[in-house]
PDB file of N, CA and C in Angstrom:
ATOM      1  N   MET A   1     141.004 187.373  21.351  1.00  0.00           N
ATOM      2  CA  MET A   1     139.887 187.843  22.088  1.00  0.00           C
ATOM      3  C   MET A   1     138.892 186.424  21.428  1.00  0.00           C
ATOM      4  N   SER A   2     138.859 185.993  20.160  1.00  0.00           N
ATOM      5  CA  SER A   2     138.089 184.883  20.236  1.00  0.00           C
ATOM      6  C   SER A   2     138.310 183.548  20.746  1.00  0.00           C
ATOM      7  N   ASP A   3     139.766 183.128  21.153  1.00  0.00           N
ATOM      8  CA  ASP A   3     140.496 182.635  21.828  1.00  0.00           C
ATOM      9  C   ASP A   3     139.400 181.777  23.482  1.00  0.00           C
ATOM     10  N   LEU A   4     139.260 182.969  23.807  1.00  0.00           N
ATOM     11  CA  LEU A   4     139.164 183.251  24.952  1.00  0.00           C
ATOM     12  C   LEU A   4     137.570 182.814  25.086  1.00  0.00           C
ATOM     13  N   VAL A   5     136.936 183.531  24.262  1.00  0.00           N
ATOM     14  CA  VAL A   5     135.699 183.409  23.918  1.00  0.00           C
ATOM     15  C   VAL A   5     135.107 182.075  23.899  1.00  0.00           C
ATOM     16  N   SER A   6     135.977 181.454  22.898  1.00  0.00           N
ATOM     17  CA  SER A   6     135.771 179.592  22.571  1.00  0.00           C
ATOM     18  C   SER A   6     136.199 179.008  23.729  1.00  0.00           C
ATOM     19  N   ILE A   7     136.770 179.501  25.001  1.00  0.00           N
ATOM     20  CA  ILE A   7     137.429 178.880  25.930  1.00  0.00           C
ATOM     21  C   ILE A   7     135.702 178.660  27.128  1.00  0.00           C
ATOM     22  N   PHE A   8     135.566 179.806  27.245  1.00  0.00           N
ATOM     23  CA  PHE A   8     134.649 180.078  27.775  1.00  0.00           C
ATOM     24  C   PHE A   8     133.154 179.648  27.096  1.00  0.00           C
ATOM     25  N   THR A   9     132.852 179.347  26.201  1.00  0.00           N
ATOM     26  CA  THR A   9     131.904 178.831  25.508  1.00  0.00           C
ATOM     27  C   THR A   9     131.731 177.253  26.085  1.00  0.00           C
ATOM     28  N   ILE A  10     133.455 176.820  25.428  1.00  0.00           N
ATOM     29  CA  ILE A  10     133.047 175.229  26.204  1.00  0.00           C
ATOM     30  C   ILE A  10     133.141 175.143  27.419  1.00  0.00           C
ATOM     31  N   THR A  11     133.581 175.482  28.501  1.00  0.00           N
ATOM     32  CA  THR A  11     133.629 175.749  29.654  1.00  0.00           C
ATOM     33  C   THR A  11     132.073 176.008  30.026  1.00  0.00           C
ATOM     34  N   GLN A  12     131.337 176.638  29.286  1.00  0.00           N
ATOM     35  CA  GLN A  12     129.846 176.408  29.387  1.00  0.00           C
ATOM     36  C   GLN A  12     128.758 175.504  29.382  1.00  0.00           C
ATOM     37  N   VAL A  13     129.391 174.893  28.142  1.00  0.00           N
ATOM     38  CA  VAL A  13     128.742 173.813  28.121  1.00  0.00           C
ATOM     39  C   VAL A  13     129.155 172.560  28.727  1.00  0.00           C
ATOM     40  N   VAL A  14     130.212 172.784  29.423  1.00  0.00           N
ATOM     41  CA  VAL A  14     130.781 171.156  29.928  1.00  0.00           C
ATOM     42  C   VAL A  14     130.244 171.624  31.515  1.00  0.00           C
ATOM     43  N   ILE A  15     129.891 172.771  32.087  1.00  0.00           N
ATOM     44  CA  ILE A  15     129.347 172.961  33.031  1.00  0.00           C
ATOM     45  C   ILE A  15     128.152 172.618  33.227  1.00  0.00           C
ATOM     46  N   SER A  16     127.287 172.886  31.892  1.00  0.00           N
ATOM     47  CA  SER A  16     126.069 172.853  31.661  1.00  0.00           C
ATOM     48  C   SER A  16     125.744 171.283  32.418  1.00  0.00           C
ATOM     49  N   ILE A  17     126.303 170.454  31.067  1.00  0.00           N
ATOM     50  CA  ILE A  17     126.272 169.330  31.505  1.00  0.00           C
ATOM     51  C   ILE A  17     126.618 168.280  32.557  1.00  0.00           C
ATOM     52  N   LEU A  18     127.723 168.724  33.161  1.00  0.00           N
ATOM     53  CA  LEU A  18     127.930 168.159  34.689  1.00  0.00           C
ATOM     54  C   LEU A  18     126.010 169.089  35.496  1.00  0.00           C
ATOM     55  N   LEU A  19     125.986 169.816  35.627  1.00  0.00           N
ATOM     56  CA  LEU A  19     124.608 170.214  36.215  1.00  0.00           C
ATOM     57  C   LEU A  19     123.896 169.571  35.825  1.00  0.00           C
ATOM     58  N   ILE A  20     123.525 169.021  34.450  1.00  0.00           N
ATOM     59  CA  ILE A  20     121.986 168.105  34.542  1.00  0.00           C
ATOM     60  C   ILE A  20     122.490 166.972  34.566  1.00  0.00           C
ATOM     61  N   ILE A  21     123.279 166.428  34.748  1.00  0.00           N
ATOM     62  CA  ILE A  21     123.734 164.596  35.199  1.00  0.00           C
ATOM     63  C   ILE A  21     123.702 165.049  37.037  1.00  0.00           C
ATOM     64  N   ILE A  22     123.716 166.298  37.633  1.00  0.00           N
ATOM     65  CA  ILE A  22     123.964 166.038  39.360  1.00  0.00           C
ATOM     66  C   ILE A  22     122.739 166.364  39.501  1.00  0.00           C
ATOM     67  N   VAL A  23     121.669 167.139  38.520  1.00  0.00           N
ATOM     68  CA  VAL A  23     120.642 167.327  39.104  1.00  0.00           C
ATOM     69  C   VAL A  23     119.473 166.221  38.862  1.00  0.00           C
ATOM     70  N   LEU A  24     120.218 165.587  37.768  1.00  0.00           N
ATOM     71  CA  LEU A  24     119.406 163.906  37.543  1.00  0.00           C
ATOM     72  C   LEU A  24     119.355 162.696  38.680  1.00  0.00           C
ATOM     73  N   ILE A  25     120.705 163.092  39.071  1.00  0.00           N
ATOM     74  CA  ILE A  25     120.721 161.658  40.179  1.00  0.00           C
ATOM     75  C   ILE A  25     120.482 161.982  41.604  1.00  0.00           C
ATOM     76  N   GLN A  26     119.635 163.467  41.865  1.00  0.00           N
ATOM     77  CA  GLN A  26     119.485 163.879  42.893  1.00  0.00           C
ATOM     78  C   GLN A  26     118.135 162.966  43.565  1.00  0.00           C
ATOM     79  N   ASN A  27     118.068 162.999  44.705  1.00  0.00           N
ATOM     80  CA  ASN A  27     117.271 162.244  45.251  1.00  0.00           C
ATOM     81  C   ASN A  27     115.545 162.530  44.687  1.00  0.00           C
ATOM     82  N   LYS A  28     114.819 162.170  44.336  1.00  0.00           N
ATOM     83  CA  LYS A  28     113.405 162.172  44.131  1.00  0.00           C
ATOM     84  C   LYS A  28     112.134 161.998  44.572  1.00  0.00           C
ATOM     85  N   ASN A  29     112.351 161.315  45.929  1.00  0.00           N
ATOM     86  CA  ASN A  29     111.616 161.212  47.010  1.00  0.00           C
ATOM     87  C   ASN A  29     111.476 161.882  48.430  1.00  0.00           C
ATOM     88  N   VAL A  30     112.007 163.051  47.614  1.00  0.00           N
ATOM     89  CA  VAL A  30     111.910 164.079  48.820  1.00  0.00           C
ATOM     90  C   VAL A  30     110.424 164.952  48.979  1.00  0.00           C
ATOM     91  N   THR A  31     109.476 164.663  50.291  1.00  0.00           N
ATOM     92  CA  THR A  31     108.634 165.112  50.219  1.00  0.00           C
ATOM     93  C   THR A  31     108.053 165.986  51.442  1.00  0.00           C
ATOM     94  N   LEU A  32     107.632 167.019  51.535  1.00  0.00           N
ATOM     95  CA  LEU A  32     107.308 168.032  52.669  1.00  0.00           C
ATOM     96  C   LEU A  32     106.130 167.226  53.811  1.00  0.00           C
ATOM     97  N   ASN A  33     106.762 166.879  54.937  1.00  0.00           N
ATOM     98  CA  ASN A  33     105.920 165.638  55.633  1.00  0.00           C
ATOM     99  C   ASN A  33     105.988 166.775  56.925  1.00  0.00           C
ATOM    100  N   LEU A  34     104.176 167.342  56.780  1.00  0.00           N
ATOM    101  CA  LEU A  34     103.625 168.544  57.860  1.00  0.00           C
ATOM    102  C   LEU A  34     103.525 167.825  59.191  1.00  0.00           C
ATOM    103  N   SER A  35     103.386 166.596  59.566  1.00  0.00           N
ATOM    104  CA  SER A  35     103.271 165.815  60.872  1.00  0.00           C
ATOM    105  C   SER A  35     104.585 165.965  61.686  1.00  0.00           C
ATOM    106  N   SER A  36     105.418 165.641  60.638  1.00  0.00           N
ATOM    107  CA  SER A  36     107.423 166.174  61.410  1.00  0.00           C
ATOM    108  C   SER A  36     107.874 167.569  61.823  1.00  0.00           C
ATOM    109  N   MET A  37     107.034 168.507  60.584  1.00  0.00           N
ATOM    110  CA  MET A  37     107.111 170.169  61.305  1.00  0.00           C
ATOM    111  C   MET A  37     106.785 170.715  62.723  1.00  0.00           C
ATOM    112  N   TRP A  38     105.874 169.432  63.573  1.00  0.00           N
ATOM    113  CA  TRP A  38     105.692 170.561  64.683  1.00  0.00           C
ATOM    114  C   TRP A  38     106.921 170.183  65.508  1.00  0.00           C
ATOM    115  N   TRP A  39     107.885 169.062  65.719  1.00  0.00           N
ATOM    116  CA  TRP A  39     108.546 169.381  66.705  1.00  0.00           C
ATOM    117  C   TRP A  39     110.033 169.760  65.959  1.00  0.00           C
ATOM    118  N   GLY A  40     110.324 169.707  64.722  1.00  0.00           N
ATOM    119  CA  GLY A  40     111.485 170.190  64.259  1.00  0.00           C
ATOM    120  C   GLY A  40     111.234 171.272  63.210  1.00  0.00           C
ATOM    121  N   MET A  41     110.789 172.218  63.394  1.00  0.00           N
ATOM    122  CA  MET A  41     110.884 173.347  62.625  1.00  0.00           C
ATOM    123  C   MET A  41     111.535 173.538  61.450  1.00  0.00           C
ATOM    124  N   TRP A  42     111.274 173.042  60.577  1.00  0.00           N
ATOM    125  CA  TRP A  42     112.618 173.470  59.063  1.00  0.00           C
ATOM    126  C   TRP A  42     113.787 172.833  59.429  1.00  0.00           C
ATOM    127  N   GLU A  43     113.946 171.549  60.344  1.00  0.00           N
ATOM    128  CA  GLU A  43     114.931 171.262  60.729  1.00  0.00           C
ATOM    129  C   GLU A  43     115.251 169.769  59.752  1.00  0.00           C
ATOM    130  N   VAL A  44     116.260 169.849  58.838  1.00  0.00           N
ATOM    131  CA  VAL A  44     116.458 169.072  57.624  1.00  0.00           C
ATOM    132  C   VAL A  44     117.768 168.278  57.724  1.00  0.00           C
ATOM    133  N   THR A  45     117.927 167.135  57.912  1.00  0.00           N
ATOM    134  CA  THR A  45     119.059 166.277  58.072  1.00  0.00           C
ATOM    135  C   THR A  45     118.972 165.726  56.812  1.00  0.00           C
ATOM    136  N   ARG A  46     120.149 165.553  56.235  1.00  0.00           N
ATOM    137  CA  ARG A  46     120.722 165.280  55.166  1.00  0.00           C
ATOM    138  C   ARG A  46     121.851 164.087  55.465  1.00  0.00           C
ATOM    139  N   ARG A  47     121.850 163.174  54.412  1.00  0.00           N
ATOM    140  CA  ARG A  47     122.773 162.288  54.667  1.00  0.00           C
ATOM    141  C   ARG A  47     124.231 162.522  54.109  1.00  0.00           C
ATOM    142  N   TRP A  48     125.128 161.772  54.375  1.00  0.00           N
ATOM    143  CA  TRP A  48     126.449 162.665  53.271  1.00  0.00           C
ATOM    144  C   TRP A  48     126.510 162.654  51.664  1.00  0.00           C
ATOM    145  N   ARG A  49     126.151 161.969  50.607  1.00  0.00           N
ATOM    146  CA  ARG A  49     125.382 161.833  49.716  1.00  0.00           C
ATOM    147  C   ARG A  49     124.819 162.723  49.012  1.00  0.00           C
ATOM    148  N   GLU A  50     123.847 163.182  50.096  1.00  0.00           N
ATOM    149  CA  GLU A  50     122.849 164.022  49.821  1.00  0.00           C
ATOM    150  C   GLU A  50     123.775 165.928  49.696  1.00  0.00           C
ATOM    151  N   LYS A  51     124.271 165.630  51.015  1.00  0.00           N
ATOM    152  CA  LYS A  51     124.911 166.960  51.200  1.00  0.00           C
ATOM    153  C   LYS A  51     126.006 167.264  49.938  1.00  0.00           C
ATOM    154  N   VAL A  52     126.760 166.441  49.438  1.00  0.00           N
ATOM    155  CA  VAL A  52     127.838 166.560  48.588  1.00  0.00           C
ATOM    156  C   VAL A  52     126.918 166.849  47.650  1.00  0.00           C
ATOM    157  N   LEU A  53     125.515 166.129  47.007  1.00  0.00           N
ATOM    158  CA  LEU A  53     125.310 166.610  45.874  1.00  0.00           C
ATOM    159  C   LEU A  53     124.564 167.765  46.088  1.00  0.00           C
ATOM    160  N   HIS A  54     124.143 168.059  46.921  1.00  0.00           N
ATOM    161  CA  HIS A  54     123.308 169.529  47.346  1.00  0.00           C
ATOM    162  C   HIS A  54     124.462 170.704  47.340  1.00  0.00           C
ATOM    163  N   ASN A  55     125.678 170.550  47.968  1.00  0.00           N
ATOM    164  CA  ASN A  55     126.647 171.413  47.814  1.00  0.00           C
ATOM    165  C   ASN A  55     127.247 171.438  46.243  1.00  0.00           C
ATOM    166  N   THR A  56     127.293 170.721  45.424  1.00  0.00           N
ATOM    167  CA  THR A  56     127.491 170.628  44.061  1.00  0.00           C
ATOM    168  C   THR A  56     126.495 171.418  43.648  1.00  0.00           C
ATOM    169  N   THR A  57     125.572 171.147  43.310  1.00  0.00           N
ATOM    170  CA  THR A  57     124.332 172.065  42.317  1.00  0.00           C
ATOM    171  C   THR A  57     124.742 173.385  42.816  1.00  0.00           C
ATOM    172  N   ILE A  58     124.838 173.558  44.644  1.00  0.00           N
ATOM    173  CA  ILE A  58     125.048 175.270  44.534  1.00  0.00           C
ATOM    174  C   ILE A  58     126.406 175.987  43.902  1.00  0.00           C
ATOM    175  N   VAL A  59     127.315 175.060  43.483  1.00  0.00           N
ATOM    176  CA  VAL A  59     128.726 175.191  43.579  1.00  0.00           C
ATOM    177  C   VAL A  59     128.516 175.457  41.627  1.00  0.00           C
ATOM    178  N   LEU A  60     127.851 174.838  40.712  1.00  0.00           N
ATOM    179  CA  LEU A  60     128.278 174.217  39.668  1.00  0.00           C
ATOM    180  C   LEU A  60     126.924 175.518  39.013  1.00  0.00           C
ATOM    181  N   TRP A  61     125.840 175.636  40.049  1.00  0.00           N
ATOM    182  CA  TRP A  61     125.031 176.805  39.641  1.00  0.00           C
ATOM    183  C   TRP A  61     125.588 178.322  39.605  1.00  0.00           C
ATOM    184  N   THR A  62     126.241 178.473  40.864  1.00  0.00           N
ATOM    185  CA  THR A  62     126.938 179.793  40.861  1.00  0.00           C
ATOM    186  C   THR A  62     128.019 180.023  39.740  1.00  0.00           C
ATOM    187  N   LEU A  63     129.213 178.582  39.549  1.00  0.00           N
ATOM    188  CA  LEU A  63     129.745 178.494  37.982  1.00  0.00           C
ATOM    189  C   LEU A  63     129.173 178.959  36.819  1.00  0.00           C
ATOM    190  N   PHE A  64     128.105 178.384  36.735  1.00  0.00           N
ATOM    191  CA  PHE A  64     127.674 178.914  35.165  1.00  0.00           C
ATOM    192  C   PHE A  64     126.696 180.351  35.360  1.00  0.00           C
ATOM    193  N   ILE A  65     126.441 180.750  36.302  1.00  0.00           N
ATOM    194  CA  ILE A  65     125.822 182.001  36.447  1.00  0.00           C
ATOM    195  C   ILE A  65     127.505 182.515  35.885  1.00  0.00           C
ATOM    196  N   LEU A  66     128.137 182.600  36.825  1.00  0.00           N
ATOM    197  CA  LEU A  66     129.270 183.597  36.516  1.00  0.00           C
ATOM    198  C   LEU A  66     130.199 183.743  35.332  1.00  0.00           C
ATOM    199  N   ASN A  67     130.186 182.225  34.467  1.00  0.00           N
ATOM    200  CA  ASN A  67     130.706 181.870  33.326  1.00  0.00           C
ATOM    201  C   ASN A  67     129.864 183.057  32.304  1.00  0.00           C
ATOM    202  N   ALA A  68     128.379 182.413  32.652  1.00  0.00           N
ATOM    203  CA  ALA A  68     127.614 183.056  31.783  1.00  0.00           C
ATOM    204  C   ALA A  68     127.922 184.586  31.602  1.00  0.00           C
ATOM    205  N   LEU A  69     127.695 185.503  32.836  1.00  0.00           N
ATOM    206  CA  LEU A  69     128.141 186.843  32.867  1.00  0.00           C
ATOM    207  C   LEU A  69     129.519 187.049  32.004  1.00  0.00           C
ATOM    208  N   VAL A  70     130.380 186.586  32.249  1.00  0.00           N
ATOM    209  CA  VAL A  70     131.680 186.908  31.125  1.00  0.00           C
ATOM    210  C   VAL A  70     131.705 186.733  29.821  1.00  0.00           C
ATOM    211  N   LEU A  71     130.940 185.727  29.501  1.00  0.00           N
ATOM    212  CA  LEU A  71     130.635 185.241  28.324  1.00  0.00           C
ATOM    213  C   LEU A  71     129.989 186.441  27.441  1.00  0.00           C
ATOM    214  N   PHE A  72     128.508 187.064  28.386  1.00  0.00           N
ATOM    215  CA  PHE A  72     127.713 187.899  28.044  1.00  0.00           C
ATOM    216  C   PHE A  72     128.877 189.513  27.739  1.00  0.00           C
ATOM    217  N   ILE A  73     130.183 189.774  28.863  1.00  0.00           N
ATOM    218  CA  ILE A  73     130.668 190.759  28.827  1.00  0.00           C
ATOM    219  C   ILE A  73     131.405 190.792  27.546  1.00  0.00           C
ATOM    220  N   LEU A  74     132.093 189.678  27.258  1.00  0.00           N
ATOM    221  CA  LEU A  74     133.282 189.237  26.470  1.00  0.00           C
ATOM    222  C   LEU A  74     132.295 189.556  25.144  1.00  0.00           C
ATOM    223  N   ARG A  75     131.328 189.424  24.859  1.00  0.00           N
ATOM    224  CA  ARG A  75     130.735 189.328  23.799  1.00  0.00           C
ATOM    225  C   ARG A  75     130.060 190.847  23.158  1.00  0.00           C
TER     226      ARG A  75
END
């Protein structure tokens, strides 16, 4: 049982590091332009790289939460 906990602990650390890296490399020049919202309400277009980073962030957050829940149950 302790081997399983150590595996999930290492996995949690790796996911945390990857999540920090992905969040830090995302574009910081994202602003809310109210003048462009008149015609395209809430329409956001992302480039390929931004979509990949956004989806990767969602996947990593989901894995982080699930892994934390498993660690909580195992301990």
